[in-house]
Amino acid sequence: MSSKLTLYIEDELIIYVKKYAKEHKLSVSKVVNNFLSSLQEKQEDNRPTSTPITDSLLGSVGTLDTSKEAYHRHLEKKYS
């Protein structure tokens, strides 16, 4: 079942979404529906939601030892 929903969205974003929808041969409603469905799926999978910014940072630190012992070594080095 589908229902009507009124949204207030910034003009620049509306222009972008309309262009995106046209390029992908979708309606704006379908684009919004797909986006909201993806949020729901992530919640149901108990996966944290992420954004493109956080996704782009993934792996940028490399392998980092976050153990308690590593932290203690860091403190000893820092304050000795």
PDB file of N, CA and C in Angstrom:
ATOM      1  N   MET A   1       0.839  -1.176   0.000  1.00  0.00           N
ATOM      2  CA  MET A   1       0.000   0.000   0.000  1.00  0.00           C
ATOM      3  C   MET A   1       0.888   1.245   0.000  1.00  0.00           C
ATOM      4  N   SER A   2       0.525   2.222  -0.763  1.00  0.00           N
ATOM      5  CA  SER A   2       1.262   3.476  -0.828  1.00  0.00           C
ATOM      6  C   SER A   2       0.397   4.592  -0.280  1.00  0.00           C
ATOM      7  N   SER A   3       1.048   5.564   0.351  1.00  0.00           N
ATOM      8  CA  SER A   3       0.354   6.731   0.886  1.00  0.00           C
ATOM      9  C   SER A   3       1.082   7.988   0.453  1.00  0.00           C
ATOM     10  N   LYS A   4       0.330   9.067   0.396  1.00  0.00           N
ATOM     11  CA  LYS A   4       0.908  10.346   0.015  1.00  0.00           C
ATOM     12  C   LYS A   4       1.620  10.953   1.221  1.00  0.00           C
ATOM     13  N   LEU A   5       2.778  11.586   0.962  1.00  0.00           N
ATOM     14  CA  LEU A   5       3.577  12.211   2.015  1.00  0.00           C
ATOM     15  C   LEU A   5       4.086  13.542   1.489  1.00  0.00           C
ATOM     16  N   THR A   6       3.946  14.575   2.289  1.00  0.00           N
ATOM     17  CA  THR A   6       4.470  15.886   1.908  1.00  0.00           C
ATOM     18  C   THR A   6       5.789  16.109   2.618  1.00  0.00           C
ATOM     19  N   LEU A   7       6.820  16.445   1.853  1.00  0.00           N
ATOM     20  CA  LEU A   7       8.145  16.702   2.409  1.00  0.00           C
ATOM     21  C   LEU A   7       8.567  18.124   2.077  1.00  0.00           C
ATOM     22  N   TYR A   8       9.283  18.729   2.981  1.00  0.00           N
ATOM     23  CA  TYR A   8       9.882  20.031   2.723  1.00  0.00           C
ATOM     24  C   TYR A   8      11.372  19.820   2.548  1.00  0.00           C
ATOM     25  N   ILE A   9      11.859  20.084   1.344  1.00  0.00           N
ATOM     26  CA  ILE A   9      13.248  19.814   0.986  1.00  0.00           C
ATOM     27  C   ILE A   9      13.830  21.067   0.346  1.00  0.00           C
ATOM     28  N   GLU A  10      15.097  21.314   0.603  1.00  0.00           N
ATOM     29  CA  GLU A  10      15.766  22.481   0.034  1.00  0.00           C
ATOM     30  C   GLU A  10      15.713  22.435  -1.489  1.00  0.00           C
ATOM     31  N   ASP A  11      15.566  23.619  -2.098  1.00  0.00           N
ATOM     32  CA  ASP A  11      15.417  23.718  -3.554  1.00  0.00           C
ATOM     33  C   ASP A  11      16.574  23.066  -4.304  1.00  0.00           C
ATOM     34  N   GLU A  12      17.804  23.271  -3.843  1.00  0.00           N
ATOM     35  CA  GLU A  12      18.970  22.696  -4.525  1.00  0.00           C
ATOM     36  C   GLU A  12      18.924  21.179  -4.512  1.00  0.00           C
ATOM     37  N   LEU A  13      18.469  20.621  -3.416  1.00  0.00           N
ATOM     38  CA  LEU A  13      18.383  19.161  -3.313  1.00  0.00           C
ATOM     39  C   LEU A  13      17.287  18.619  -4.224  1.00  0.00           C
ATOM     40  N   ILE A  14      16.191  19.338  -4.337  1.00  0.00           N
ATOM     41  CA  ILE A  14      15.117  18.912  -5.229  1.00  0.00           C
ATOM     42  C   ILE A  14      15.617  18.870  -6.671  1.00  0.00           C
ATOM     43  N   ILE A  15      16.351  19.895  -7.074  1.00  0.00           N
ATOM     44  CA  ILE A  15      16.898  19.936  -8.430  1.00  0.00           C
ATOM     45  C   ILE A  15      17.807  18.735  -8.664  1.00  0.00           C
ATOM     46  N   TYR A  16      18.667  18.445  -7.684  1.00  0.00           N
ATOM     47  CA  TYR A  16      19.584  17.308  -7.814  1.00  0.00           C
ATOM     48  C   TYR A  16      18.823  15.986  -7.910  1.00  0.00           C
ATOM     49  N   VAL A  17      17.827  15.800  -7.036  1.00  0.00           N
ATOM     50  CA  VAL A  17      17.101  14.524  -7.013  1.00  0.00           C
ATOM     51  C   VAL A  17      16.316  14.329  -8.312  1.00  0.00           C
ATOM     52  N   LYS A  18      15.727  15.393  -8.825  1.00  0.00           N
ATOM     53  CA  LYS A  18      15.001  15.281 -10.093  1.00  0.00           C
ATOM     54  C   LYS A  18      15.944  14.886 -11.225  1.00  0.00           C
ATOM     55  N   LYS A  19      17.126  15.501 -11.252  1.00  0.00           N
ATOM     56  CA  LYS A  19      18.119  15.165 -12.279  1.00  0.00           C
ATOM     57  C   LYS A  19      18.566  13.708 -12.131  1.00  0.00           C
ATOM     58  N   TYR A  20      18.860  13.305 -10.896  1.00  0.00           N
ATOM     59  CA  TYR A  20      19.275  11.923 -10.621  1.00  0.00           C
ATOM     60  C   TYR A  20      18.201  10.935 -11.073  1.00  0.00           C
ATOM     61  N   ALA A  21      16.947  11.234 -10.714  1.00  0.00           N
ATOM     62  CA  ALA A  21      15.841  10.345 -11.062  1.00  0.00           C
ATOM     63  C   ALA A  21      15.697  10.221 -12.578  1.00  0.00           C
ATOM     64  N   LYS A  22      15.824  11.342 -13.266  1.00  0.00           N
ATOM     65  CA  LYS A  22      15.689  11.317 -14.729  1.00  0.00           C
ATOM     66  C   LYS A  22      16.809  10.493 -15.360  1.00  0.00           C
ATOM     67  N   GLU A  23      18.047  10.683 -14.883  1.00  0.00           N
ATOM     68  CA  GLU A  23      19.191   9.939 -15.424  1.00  0.00           C
ATOM     69  C   GLU A  23      19.055   8.437 -15.211  1.00  0.00           C
ATOM     70  N   HIS A  24      18.416   8.053 -14.113  1.00  0.00           N
ATOM     71  CA  HIS A  24      18.271   6.632 -13.786  1.00  0.00           C
ATOM     72  C   HIS A  24      16.888   6.082 -14.137  1.00  0.00           C
ATOM     73  N   LYS A  25      16.114   6.899 -14.853  1.00  0.00           N
ATOM     74  CA  LYS A  25      14.773   6.505 -15.312  1.00  0.00           C
ATOM     75  C   LYS A  25      13.898   6.031 -14.149  1.00  0.00           C
ATOM     76  N   LEU A  26      13.886   6.846 -13.091  1.00  0.00           N
ATOM     77  CA  LEU A  26      13.074   6.581 -11.909  1.00  0.00           C
ATOM     78  C   LEU A  26      12.243   7.817 -11.602  1.00  0.00           C
ATOM     79  N   SER A  27      11.206   7.625 -10.821  1.00  0.00           N
ATOM     80  CA  SER A  27      10.466   8.780 -10.314  1.00  0.00           C
ATOM     81  C   SER A  27      11.160   9.262  -9.033  1.00  0.00           C
ATOM     82  N   VAL A  28      10.905  10.511  -8.681  1.00  0.00           N
ATOM     83  CA  VAL A  28      11.463  11.041  -7.437  1.00  0.00           C
ATOM     84  C   VAL A  28      10.928  10.226  -6.258  1.00  0.00           C
ATOM     85  N   SER A  29       9.662   9.857  -6.322  1.00  0.00           N
ATOM     86  CA  SER A  29       9.076   9.031  -5.255  1.00  0.00           C
ATOM     87  C   SER A  29       9.817   7.715  -5.095  1.00  0.00           C
ATOM     88  N   LYS A  30      10.184   7.100  -6.217  1.00  0.00           N
ATOM     89  CA  LYS A  30      10.913   5.825  -6.163  1.00  0.00           C
ATOM     90  C   LYS A  30      12.307   6.013  -5.568  1.00  0.00           C
ATOM     91  N   VAL A  31      12.973   7.117  -5.905  1.00  0.00           N
ATOM     92  CA  VAL A  31      14.301   7.397  -5.348  1.00  0.00           C
ATOM     93  C   VAL A  31      14.199   7.528  -3.830  1.00  0.00           C
ATOM     94  N   VAL A  32      13.225   8.309  -3.366  1.00  0.00           N
ATOM     95  CA  VAL A  32      13.049   8.500  -1.921  1.00  0.00           C
ATOM     96  C   VAL A  32      12.670   7.176  -1.262  1.00  0.00           C
ATOM     97  N   ASN A  33      11.776   6.429  -1.890  1.00  0.00           N
ATOM     98  CA  ASN A  33      11.361   5.142  -1.342  1.00  0.00           C
ATOM     99  C   ASN A  33      12.551   4.180  -1.227  1.00  0.00           C
ATOM    100  N   ASN A  34      13.383   4.123  -2.261  1.00  0.00           N
ATOM    101  CA  ASN A  34      14.561   3.254  -2.229  1.00  0.00           C
ATOM    102  C   ASN A  34      15.518   3.651  -1.112  1.00  0.00           C
ATOM    103  N   PHE A  35      15.718   4.957  -0.960  1.00  0.00           N
ATOM    104  CA  PHE A  35      16.619   5.437   0.096  1.00  0.00           C
ATOM    105  C   PHE A  35      16.085   5.061   1.475  1.00  0.00           C
ATOM    106  N   LEU A  36      14.815   5.320   1.720  1.00  0.00           N
ATOM    107  CA  LEU A  36      14.238   5.007   3.033  1.00  0.00           C
ATOM    108  C   LEU A  36      14.219   3.503   3.288  1.00  0.00           C
ATOM    109  N   SER A  37      13.998   2.721   2.242  1.00  0.00           N
ATOM    110  CA  SER A  37      14.038   1.254   2.388  1.00  0.00           C
ATOM    111  C   SER A  37      15.428   0.779   2.778  1.00  0.00           C
ATOM    112  N   SER A  38      16.464   1.418   2.199  1.00  0.00           N
ATOM    113  CA  SER A  38      17.831   1.014   2.539  1.00  0.00           C
ATOM    114  C   SER A  38      18.141   1.340   3.997  1.00  0.00           C
ATOM    115  N   LEU A  39      17.603   2.436   4.505  1.00  0.00           N
ATOM    116  CA  LEU A  39      17.787   2.757   5.926  1.00  0.00           C
ATOM    117  C   LEU A  39      17.114   1.714   6.802  1.00  0.00           C
ATOM    118  N   GLN A  40      15.915   1.317   6.408  1.00  0.00           N
ATOM    119  CA  GLN A  40      15.181   0.318   7.169  1.00  0.00           C
ATOM    120  C   GLN A  40      15.919  -1.021   7.178  1.00  0.00           C
ATOM    121  N   GLU A  41      16.463  -1.429   6.027  1.00  0.00           N
ATOM    122  CA  GLU A  41      17.197  -2.692   5.945  1.00  0.00           C
ATOM    123  C   GLU A  41      18.414  -2.677   6.859  1.00  0.00           C
ATOM    124  N   LYS A  42      19.137  -1.564   6.885  1.00  0.00           N
ATOM    125  CA  LYS A  42      20.315  -1.471   7.745  1.00  0.00           C
ATOM    126  C   LYS A  42      19.926  -1.583   9.208  1.00  0.00           C
ATOM    127  N   GLN A  43      18.809  -0.967   9.592  1.00  0.00           N
ATOM    128  CA  GLN A  43      18.352  -1.042  10.979  1.00  0.00           C
ATOM    129  C   GLN A  43      17.950  -2.474  11.329  1.00  0.00           C
ATOM    130  N   GLU A  44      17.254  -3.138  10.421  1.00  0.00           N
ATOM    131  CA  GLU A  44      16.803  -4.504  10.682  1.00  0.00           C
ATOM    132  C   GLU A  44      17.974  -5.468  10.778  1.00  0.00           C
ATOM    133  N   ASP A  45      19.053  -5.187  10.076  1.00  0.00           N
ATOM    134  CA  ASP A  45      20.242  -6.037  10.131  1.00  0.00           C
ATOM    135  C   ASP A  45      21.123  -5.695  11.323  1.00  0.00           C
ATOM    136  N   ASN A  46      20.704  -4.727  12.114  1.00  0.00           N
ATOM    137  CA  ASN A  46      21.481  -4.224  13.249  1.00  0.00           C
ATOM    138  C   ASN A  46      22.837  -3.688  12.828  1.00  0.00           C
ATOM    139  N   ARG A  47      22.913  -3.238  11.573  1.00  0.00           N
ATOM    140  CA  ARG A  47      24.138  -2.612  11.103  1.00  0.00           C
ATOM    141  C   ARG A  47      24.030  -1.119  11.354  1.00  0.00           C
ATOM    142  N   PRO A  48      25.096  -0.506  11.813  1.00  0.00           N
ATOM    143  CA  PRO A  48      25.031   0.943  11.990  1.00  0.00           C
ATOM    144  C   PRO A  48      24.907   1.629  10.646  1.00  0.00           C
ATOM    145  N   THR A  49      24.114   2.692  10.620  1.00  0.00           N
ATOM    146  CA  THR A  49      23.995   3.441   9.386  1.00  0.00           C
ATOM    147  C   THR A  49      25.277   4.235   9.176  1.00  0.00           C
ATOM    148  N   SER A  50      25.631   4.439   7.949  1.00  0.00           N
ATOM    149  CA  SER A  50      26.843   5.192   7.653  1.00  0.00           C
ATOM    150  C   SER A  50      26.549   6.218   6.580  1.00  0.00           C
ATOM    151  N   THR A  51      27.483   7.096   6.413  1.00  0.00           N
ATOM    152  CA  THR A  51      27.347   8.133   5.404  1.00  0.00           C
ATOM    153  C   THR A  51      28.512   8.005   4.434  1.00  0.00           C
ATOM    154  N   PRO A  52      28.412   8.621   3.273  1.00  0.00           N
ATOM    155  CA  PRO A  52      29.537   8.557   2.334  1.00  0.00           C
ATOM    156  C   PRO A  52      30.841   9.072   2.938  1.00  0.00           C
ATOM    157  N   ILE A  53      30.757  10.061   3.824  1.00  0.00           N
ATOM    158  CA  ILE A  53      31.971  10.603   4.440  1.00  0.00           C
ATOM    159  C   ILE A  53      32.625   9.549   5.325  1.00  0.00           C
ATOM    160  N   THR A  54      31.835   8.904   6.181  1.00  0.00           N
ATOM    161  CA  THR A  54      32.428   7.885   7.051  1.00  0.00           C
ATOM    162  C   THR A  54      32.887   6.676   6.243  1.00  0.00           C
ATOM    163  N   ASP A  55      32.137   6.339   5.199  1.00  0.00           N
ATOM    164  CA  ASP A  55      32.571   5.227   4.337  1.00  0.00           C
ATOM    165  C   ASP A  55      33.915   5.528   3.687  1.00  0.00           C
ATOM    166  N   SER A  56      34.134   6.787   3.302  1.00  0.00           N
ATOM    167  CA  SER A  56      35.390   7.142   2.640  1.00  0.00           C
ATOM    168  C   SER A  56      36.570   7.088   3.611  1.00  0.00           C
ATOM    169  N   LEU A  57      36.310   7.231   4.895  1.00  0.00           N
ATOM    170  CA  LEU A  57      37.377   7.189   5.895  1.00  0.00           C
ATOM    171  C   LEU A  57      37.734   5.772   6.321  1.00  0.00           C
ATOM    172  N   LEU A  58      36.880   4.830   6.004  1.00  0.00           N
ATOM    173  CA  LEU A  58      37.091   3.451   6.408  1.00  0.00           C
ATOM    174  C   LEU A  58      38.426   2.935   5.885  1.00  0.00           C
ATOM    175  N   GLY A  59      39.275   2.477   6.784  1.00  0.00           N
ATOM    176  CA  GLY A  59      40.565   1.931   6.414  1.00  0.00           C
ATOM    177  C   GLY A  59      41.673   2.962   6.301  1.00  0.00           C
ATOM    178  N   SER A  60      41.363   4.246   6.487  1.00  0.00           N
ATOM    179  CA  SER A  60      42.385   5.278   6.318  1.00  0.00           C
ATOM    180  C   SER A  60      43.431   5.257   7.432  1.00  0.00           C
ATOM    181  N   VAL A  61      43.081   4.721   8.570  1.00  0.00           N
ATOM    182  CA  VAL A  61      44.023   4.656   9.683  1.00  0.00           C
ATOM    183  C   VAL A  61      44.939   3.450   9.541  1.00  0.00           C
ATOM    184  N   GLY A  62      44.506   2.489   8.791  1.00  0.00           N
ATOM    185  CA  GLY A  62      45.295   1.265   8.657  1.00  0.00           C
ATOM    186  C   GLY A  62      45.026   0.367   9.845  1.00  0.00           C
ATOM    187  N   THR A  63      45.984  -0.467  10.147  1.00  0.00           N
ATOM    188  CA  THR A  63      45.806  -1.339  11.301  1.00  0.00           C
ATOM    189  C   THR A  63      46.332  -0.629  12.526  1.00  0.00           C
ATOM    190  N   LEU A  64      45.512  -0.520  13.511  1.00  0.00           N
ATOM    191  CA  LEU A  64      45.834   0.202  14.726  1.00  0.00           C
ATOM    192  C   LEU A  64      45.593  -0.721  15.902  1.00  0.00           C
ATOM    193  N   ASP A  65      46.605  -0.864  16.754  1.00  0.00           N
ATOM    194  CA  ASP A  65      46.466  -1.704  17.939  1.00  0.00           C
ATOM    195  C   ASP A  65      45.694  -0.923  18.990  1.00  0.00           C
ATOM    196  N   THR A  66      44.477  -1.337  19.260  1.00  0.00           N
ATOM    197  CA  THR A  66      43.642  -0.634  20.229  1.00  0.00           C
ATOM    198  C   THR A  66      43.504  -1.405  21.533  1.00  0.00           C
ATOM    199  N   SER A  67      44.426  -2.297  21.795  1.00  0.00           N
ATOM    200  CA  SER A  67      44.350  -3.082  23.024  1.00  0.00           C
ATOM    201  C   SER A  67      44.714  -2.224  24.230  1.00  0.00           C
ATOM    202  N   LYS A  68      44.329  -2.703  25.375  1.00  0.00           N
ATOM    203  CA  LYS A  68      44.629  -2.009  26.636  1.00  0.00           C
ATOM    204  C   LYS A  68      46.143  -1.921  26.847  1.00  0.00           C
ATOM    205  N   GLU A  69      46.838  -2.982  26.503  1.00  0.00           N
ATOM    206  CA  GLU A  69      48.287  -3.007  26.666  1.00  0.00           C
ATOM    207  C   GLU A  69      48.961  -1.958  25.780  1.00  0.00           C
ATOM    208  N   ALA A  70      48.496  -1.829  24.562  1.00  0.00           N
ATOM    209  CA  ALA A  70      49.059  -0.839  23.639  1.00  0.00           C
ATOM    210  C   ALA A  70      48.836   0.567  24.177  1.00  0.00           C
ATOM    211  N   TYR A  71      47.692   0.806  24.761  1.00  0.00           N
ATOM    212  CA  TYR A  71      47.410   2.116  25.343  1.00  0.00           C
ATOM    213  C   TYR A  71      48.336   2.387  26.524  1.00  0.00           C
ATOM    214  N   HIS A  72      48.564   1.391  27.347  1.00  0.00           N
ATOM    215  CA  HIS A  72      49.478   1.553  28.489  1.00  0.00           C
ATOM    216  C   HIS A  72      50.904   1.834  28.011  1.00  0.00           C
ATOM    217  N   ARG A  73      51.333   1.132  26.943  1.00  0.00           N
ATOM    218  CA  ARG A  73      52.660   1.408  26.385  1.00  0.00           C
ATOM    219  C   ARG A  73      52.745   2.840  25.873  1.00  0.00           C
ATOM    220  N   HIS A  74      51.701   3.291  25.229  1.00  0.00           N
ATOM    221  CA  HIS A  74      51.656   4.666  24.740  1.00  0.00           C
ATOM    222  C   HIS A  74      51.784   5.658  25.891  1.00  0.00           C
ATOM    223  N   LEU A  75      51.060   5.429  26.970  1.00  0.00           N
ATOM    224  CA  LEU A  75      51.122   6.345  28.122  1.00  0.00           C
ATOM    225  C   LEU A  75      52.500   6.336  28.775  1.00  0.00           C
ATOM    226  N   GLU A  76      53.083   5.137  28.889  1.00  0.00           N
ATOM    227  CA  GLU A  76      54.410   5.052  29.486  1.00  0.00           C
ATOM    228  C   GLU A  76      55.422   5.816  28.638  1.00  0.00           C
ATOM    229  N   LYS A  77      55.358   5.668  27.336  1.00  0.00           N
ATOM    230  CA  LYS A  77      56.263   6.375  26.443  1.00  0.00           C
ATOM    231  C   LYS A  77      56.032   7.878  26.497  1.00  0.00           C
ATOM    232  N   LYS A  78      54.770   8.269  26.533  1.00  0.00           N
ATOM    233  CA  LYS A  78      54.427   9.685  26.536  1.00  0.00           C
ATOM    234  C   LYS A  78      54.897  10.390  27.809  1.00  0.00           C
ATOM    235  N   TYR A  79      54.756   9.736  28.955  1.00  0.00           N
ATOM    236  CA  TYR A  79      55.050  10.395  30.220  1.00  0.00           C
ATOM    237  C   TYR A  79      56.376   9.974  30.842  1.00  0.00           C
ATOM    238  N   SER A  80      57.219   9.303  30.115  1.00  0.00           N
ATOM    239  CA  SER A  80      58.513   8.919  30.692  1.00  0.00           C
ATOM    240  C   SER A  80      59.632   9.793  30.165  1.00  0.00           C
TER     241      SER A  80
END
